[in-house]
Amino acid sequence: MTTATLLVSCPDQKGLVAKISDWVFSHGGNILHADQHADSTAELFVMRVEWDLNDFVLAREEIAPTFEKLAIAIHAKWSIHFSDYVRRIAIFVSKQDHCLYDLILRQRSHELPAIIPVVISNHPDLEKVAHNFGINYHHIAVNPENKLEQEKKQLDLLHQYKIDLVVLAKYMQVLSPDFLSKFSQVINIHHSFLPAFAGANPYHRAYKRGVKIIGATAHYVTDELDEGPIIEQDVIRVSHRDSVTDLIRKGKDLERIVLARGVRQYLQNRVLVYGQSASSGLGLRTVVFD
């Protein structure tokens, strides 16, 4: 079954669920999943609706311009996605391999509906891992002096491989604003339950504070370090008996799970970003639909 998924955000107003659902129904669509949320603080309505394209009277190229008429009327931002479009992922890594292995194995076992054609790294260490799975590997060394030049090479590779999403799977570099202005669909795994312990060495700092839980966070990457909209988080309990090494070991397990969940939710078109409203005082936030 091929489906279409519509993600909508607009000012909250009466009748939105009926209007959007009726638009799908009026063109022969059978709604399979629908979920919505009204953020009273931002006075914003968000909705995800997925329907079967069998018997839908509009051709794919007609769906967007036809819905645009309703979108203008309700002042909506929106996007449309099709289930048979398989996204292409580039994985950025440094030296740690646990998230890289996990993503590849989940993709190979069809848990992640995507193609992984390339791994890009600032170190040569994980080339064998990529090649063992038949994935192209590009080593592009990055330092403060050559950063912008090397990011240009990375962006050229993203264009060459027709990449839809970049996943930073323990890529220990900060992407520049210039990079993000040219390619914004980037998900990172941070080894902490943000906003706690942002930046480097969070497990060491957590150990010094004597924390009783540690966490991991999958989030979109923005210009501000570790401040991007959060997609997925989880925690695990630790105790006074755990050393820094124990925290890192337990944290790696959590990082794998949280990153995989975040990437899967993105691939299933379940993540909608909203916010940045001066009137509400909200920064960028996400709704992750079940």
Protein backbone atom coordinates (compact mmCIF):
# COMPACT_ATOMS: atom_id res chain seq x y z
CA MET A 1 0.00 0.00 0.00
CA THR A 2 1.36 3.40 -0.98
CA THR A 3 0.33 6.28 1.26
CA ALA A 4 0.61 10.04 1.38
CA THR A 5 1.34 11.88 4.61
CA LEU A 6 0.49 15.51 5.17
CA LEU A 7 2.13 17.55 7.94
CA VAL A 8 0.39 20.85 8.71
CA SER A 9 0.94 23.71 11.15
CA CYS A 10 -1.19 26.84 11.24
CA PRO A 11 -2.82 29.34 13.62
CA ASP A 12 -5.36 27.55 15.80
CA GLN A 13 -8.96 28.08 14.67
CA LYS A 14 -12.25 26.24 14.66
CA GLY A 15 -12.96 23.48 12.16
CA LEU A 16 -9.40 22.62 11.11
CA VAL A 17 -9.69 18.86 11.62
CA ALA A 18 -12.92 18.82 9.61
CA LYS A 19 -11.51 20.97 6.80
CA ILE A 20 -8.36 18.93 6.33
CA SER A 21 -10.10 15.57 6.68
CA ASP A 22 -12.83 16.65 4.29
CA TRP A 23 -10.21 17.70 1.74
CA VAL A 24 -8.76 14.17 1.79
CA PHE A 25 -12.21 12.54 1.67
CA SER A 26 -13.48 14.80 -1.10
CA HIS A 27 -10.69 13.53 -3.38
CA GLY A 28 -11.34 9.87 -2.65
CA GLY A 29 -8.75 9.34 0.07
CA ASN A 30 -9.13 6.71 2.79
CA ILE A 31 -7.54 8.11 5.98
CA LEU A 32 -5.41 5.51 7.77
CA HIS A 33 -3.92 7.61 10.57
CA ALA A 34 -4.69 11.08 11.87
CA ASP A 35 -3.34 12.94 14.88
CA GLN A 36 -3.42 16.56 15.91
CA HIS A 37 -2.34 18.87 18.71
CA ALA A 38 -3.18 22.45 19.67
CA ASP A 39 -0.44 24.41 21.46
CA SER A 40 -2.34 26.99 23.49
CA THR A 41 0.84 28.92 24.36
CA ALA A 42 1.80 29.42 20.73
CA GLU A 43 -1.85 29.50 19.57
CA LEU A 44 -0.82 26.96 16.97
CA PHE A 45 -2.47 23.85 15.53
CA VAL A 46 -0.44 20.94 14.14
CA MET A 47 -1.70 17.83 12.38
CA ARG A 48 -0.43 14.67 10.71
CA VAL A 49 -2.77 12.80 8.40
CA GLU A 50 -1.89 9.72 6.34
CA TRP A 51 -4.13 8.22 3.68
CA ASP A 52 -4.15 5.40 1.15
CA LEU A 53 -3.44 6.60 -2.39
CA ASN A 54 -5.46 3.74 -3.90
CA ASP A 55 -8.57 5.31 -5.46
CA PHE A 56 -7.30 8.84 -4.66
CA VAL A 57 -8.47 10.88 -7.62
CA LEU A 58 -5.57 13.33 -7.73
CA ALA A 59 -2.31 12.42 -9.43
CA ARG A 60 0.75 12.99 -7.27
CA GLU A 61 1.77 16.11 -9.11
CA GLU A 62 -1.72 17.53 -8.54
CA ILE A 63 -1.84 16.98 -4.76
CA ALA A 64 0.38 19.89 -3.69
CA PRO A 65 -1.16 22.62 -5.90
CA THR A 66 -4.66 21.43 -5.00
CA PHE A 67 -4.02 21.45 -1.25
CA GLU A 68 -2.30 24.83 -1.53
CA LYS A 69 -5.70 26.49 -1.94
CA LEU A 70 -6.82 25.23 1.47
CA ALA A 71 -3.41 25.96 2.99
CA ILE A 72 -3.65 29.61 1.96
CA ALA A 73 -7.14 29.87 3.44
CA ILE A 74 -6.02 28.55 6.86
CA HIS A 75 -2.57 30.26 6.75
CA ALA A 76 -0.74 26.94 6.97
CA LYS A 77 2.82 25.76 6.59
CA TRP A 78 2.77 22.23 5.26
CA SER A 79 4.63 19.41 3.54
CA ILE A 80 3.56 16.27 1.69
CA HIS A 81 5.42 12.94 1.71
CA PHE A 82 4.94 9.61 -0.07
CA SER A 83 5.66 6.26 1.54
CA ASP A 84 7.34 4.76 -1.52
CA TYR A 85 9.99 7.48 -1.64
CA VAL A 86 13.07 6.00 0.03
CA ARG A 87 15.31 8.64 1.57
CA ARG A 88 19.08 8.55 1.21
CA ILE A 89 21.17 8.99 4.36
CA ALA A 90 24.79 10.09 4.73
CA ILE A 91 26.32 9.10 8.08
CA PHE A 92 29.02 11.38 9.51
CA VAL A 93 31.39 9.73 12.01
CA SER A 94 34.70 10.31 13.76
CA LYS A 95 36.30 7.35 15.58
CA GLN A 96 33.49 5.78 17.64
CA ASP A 97 31.68 3.00 15.80
CA HIS A 98 28.73 1.96 18.00
CA CYS A 99 26.09 4.23 16.41
CA LEU A 100 27.43 3.56 12.90
CA TYR A 101 27.13 -0.20 13.31
CA ASP A 102 23.67 0.13 14.83
CA LEU A 103 22.26 2.30 12.04
CA ILE A 104 23.67 0.08 9.31
CA LEU A 105 22.36 -3.12 10.91
CA ARG A 106 18.91 -1.62 11.47
CA GLN A 107 18.81 -0.45 7.85
CA ARG A 108 19.87 -3.89 6.63
CA SER A 109 17.15 -5.54 8.74
CA HIS A 110 14.56 -3.11 7.28
CA GLU A 111 13.95 -1.29 10.57
CA LEU A 112 14.99 1.96 8.88
CA PRO A 113 13.30 2.52 5.50
CA ALA A 114 16.26 4.25 3.87
CA ILE A 115 19.37 3.83 1.75
CA ILE A 116 22.83 4.48 3.22
CA PRO A 117 25.14 5.03 0.24
CA VAL A 118 27.98 6.88 1.98
CA VAL A 119 29.83 7.39 5.25
CA ILE A 120 31.87 10.59 5.65
CA SER A 121 34.49 10.97 8.37
CA ASN A 122 37.20 13.31 9.58
CA HIS A 123 39.29 10.22 10.44
CA PRO A 124 40.20 7.08 8.44
CA ASP A 125 39.50 4.67 11.32
CA LEU A 126 36.06 3.38 10.31
CA GLU A 127 36.66 2.88 6.60
CA LYS A 128 36.76 -0.91 7.00
CA VAL A 129 33.37 -0.91 8.74
CA ALA A 130 31.73 0.91 5.84
CA HIS A 131 33.44 -1.21 3.18
CA ASN A 132 32.44 -4.44 4.95
CA PHE A 133 28.84 -3.44 4.25
CA GLY A 134 29.51 -2.23 0.72
CA ILE A 135 29.13 1.44 1.65
CA ASN A 136 31.33 4.15 0.17
CA TYR A 137 33.65 5.90 2.65
CA HIS A 138 35.18 9.34 2.27
CA HIS A 139 37.86 10.58 4.65
CA ILE A 140 37.85 14.37 4.78
CA ALA A 141 40.16 15.64 7.52
CA VAL A 142 38.83 18.76 9.23
CA ASN A 143 40.71 21.30 11.35
CA PRO A 144 40.07 24.95 12.23
CA GLU A 145 42.24 26.15 9.33
CA ASN A 146 40.58 24.14 6.54
CA LYS A 147 37.05 23.74 7.94
CA LEU A 148 35.13 25.76 5.34
CA GLU A 149 37.11 24.26 2.46
CA GLN A 150 36.52 20.71 3.71
CA GLU A 151 32.84 21.34 4.36
CA LYS A 152 32.55 22.39 0.72
CA LYS A 153 33.84 18.91 -0.22
CA GLN A 154 31.30 17.33 2.13
CA LEU A 155 28.47 19.33 0.58
CA ASP A 156 29.62 18.31 -2.89
CA LEU A 157 29.43 14.65 -1.80
CA LEU A 158 25.91 15.14 -0.41
CA HIS A 159 24.90 16.48 -3.82
CA GLN A 160 26.72 13.68 -5.64
CA TYR A 161 24.98 10.96 -3.60
CA LYS A 162 21.61 12.77 -3.67
CA ILE A 163 21.38 12.78 0.12
CA ASP A 164 18.14 13.69 1.91
CA LEU A 165 19.35 13.43 5.52
CA VAL A 166 22.68 13.67 7.31
CA VAL A 167 23.02 11.75 10.58
CA LEU A 168 25.85 12.75 12.91
CA ALA A 169 26.61 9.38 14.51
CA LYS A 170 29.23 10.57 17.01
CA TYR A 171 30.77 13.04 14.56
CA MET A 172 32.91 15.08 16.92
CA GLN A 173 32.85 18.27 14.88
CA VAL A 174 30.57 21.30 14.92
CA LEU A 175 29.01 22.03 11.53
CA SER A 176 29.36 25.65 10.48
CA PRO A 177 26.41 27.99 9.88
CA ASP A 178 27.48 28.09 6.22
CA PHE A 179 27.11 24.29 5.96
CA LEU A 180 23.71 24.33 7.64
CA SER A 181 22.47 27.16 5.43
CA LYS A 182 23.13 24.92 2.42
CA PHE A 183 21.98 21.62 3.97
CA SER A 184 19.68 21.84 6.99
CA GLN A 185 18.31 18.30 7.37
CA VAL A 186 20.81 17.08 9.97
CA ILE A 187 20.15 14.93 13.05
CA ASN A 188 22.70 14.58 15.85
CA ILE A 189 23.02 12.24 18.83
CA HIS A 190 24.16 13.99 21.98
CA HIS A 191 25.44 11.92 24.88
CA SER A 192 23.39 13.71 27.50
CA PHE A 193 19.79 14.42 28.44
CA LEU A 194 19.69 17.95 27.06
CA PRO A 195 19.64 20.69 28.21
CA ALA A 196 21.78 19.17 30.98
CA PHE A 197 25.50 18.78 30.25
CA ALA A 198 25.56 20.32 26.80
CA GLY A 199 28.91 20.38 25.02
CA ALA A 200 31.86 18.07 25.53
CA ASN A 201 32.57 15.35 28.14
CA PRO A 202 29.05 15.12 29.62
CA TYR A 203 29.66 11.72 31.26
CA HIS A 204 32.70 13.03 33.12
CA ARG A 205 30.75 16.07 34.30
CA ALA A 206 27.76 13.90 35.23
CA TYR A 207 30.03 11.63 37.28
CA LYS A 208 31.45 14.63 39.17
CA ARG A 209 27.92 15.80 39.97
CA GLY A 210 26.94 12.35 41.23
CA VAL A 211 23.88 12.10 39.00
CA LYS A 212 21.47 9.16 39.40
CA ILE A 213 20.32 9.10 35.79
CA ILE A 214 22.12 9.70 32.51
CA GLY A 215 20.48 10.27 29.17
CA ALA A 216 20.87 10.71 25.43
CA THR A 217 19.20 13.12 23.02
CA ALA A 218 18.56 13.00 19.28
CA HIS A 219 17.99 16.49 17.92
CA TYR A 220 18.10 18.58 14.79
CA VAL A 221 21.32 20.52 14.32
CA THR A 222 21.15 24.32 14.28
CA ASP A 223 23.67 27.16 14.47
CA GLU A 224 23.58 27.03 18.28
CA LEU A 225 25.52 24.10 19.74
CA ASP A 226 23.21 21.38 21.16
CA GLU A 227 20.23 23.77 21.04
CA GLY A 228 18.35 22.29 18.08
CA PRO A 229 14.76 21.03 18.37
CA ILE A 230 14.64 17.71 20.23
CA ILE A 231 13.26 14.64 18.46
CA GLU A 232 13.86 11.81 20.95
CA GLN A 233 15.29 11.33 24.46
CA ASP A 234 15.70 8.55 27.00
CA VAL A 235 17.42 7.93 30.34
CA ILE A 236 18.91 5.08 32.33
CA ARG A 237 19.61 4.87 36.05
CA VAL A 238 23.16 4.87 37.42
CA SER A 239 24.48 4.70 40.96
CA HIS A 240 27.42 5.65 43.16
CA ARG A 241 28.98 2.30 42.24
CA ASP A 242 29.33 3.30 38.58
CA SER A 243 32.65 4.70 37.38
CA VAL A 244 33.02 7.11 34.45
CA THR A 245 33.76 4.03 32.31
CA ASP A 246 30.47 2.48 33.43
CA LEU A 247 28.60 5.67 32.58
CA ILE A 248 30.15 5.75 29.11
CA ARG A 249 29.32 2.06 28.50
CA LYS A 250 25.72 2.48 29.60
CA GLY A 251 25.47 5.74 27.70
CA LYS A 252 26.58 4.14 24.45
CA ASP A 253 23.73 1.63 24.69
CA LEU A 254 21.31 4.50 25.17
CA GLU A 255 22.80 6.53 22.32
CA ARG A 256 22.20 3.68 19.86
CA ILE A 257 18.55 3.35 20.82
CA VAL A 258 17.74 7.07 20.95
CA LEU A 259 19.42 7.85 17.63
CA ALA A 260 17.69 4.95 15.88
CA ARG A 261 14.31 6.06 17.23
CA GLY A 262 14.88 9.64 16.14
CA VAL A 263 15.96 8.67 12.63
CA ARG A 264 13.03 6.24 12.28
CA GLN A 265 10.53 8.90 13.35
CA TYR A 266 12.00 11.28 10.80
CA LEU A 267 11.83 8.67 8.03
CA GLN A 268 8.20 7.91 8.91
CA ASN A 269 7.32 11.62 8.61
CA ARG A 270 6.28 11.85 12.25
CA VAL A 271 8.33 14.92 13.22
CA LEU A 272 7.05 18.45 12.77
CA VAL A 273 9.11 21.48 13.81
CA TYR A 274 7.40 24.66 14.91
CA GLY A 275 7.96 27.71 17.11
CA GLN A 276 10.39 30.61 16.93
CA SER A 277 7.50 32.92 17.74
CA ALA A 278 8.33 36.32 19.20
CA SER A 279 4.83 36.65 20.64
CA SER A 280 4.89 33.30 22.47
CA GLY A 281 8.55 33.45 23.45
CA LEU A 282 9.01 29.85 22.27
CA GLY A 283 12.09 28.66 20.47
CA LEU A 284 12.00 25.88 17.91
CA ARG A 285 10.15 22.83 19.19
CA THR A 286 8.96 19.54 17.77
CA VAL A 287 5.80 17.54 17.78
CA VAL A 288 6.54 13.83 17.32
CA PHE A 289 3.33 12.09 16.34
CA ASP A 290 2.72 8.53 17.61
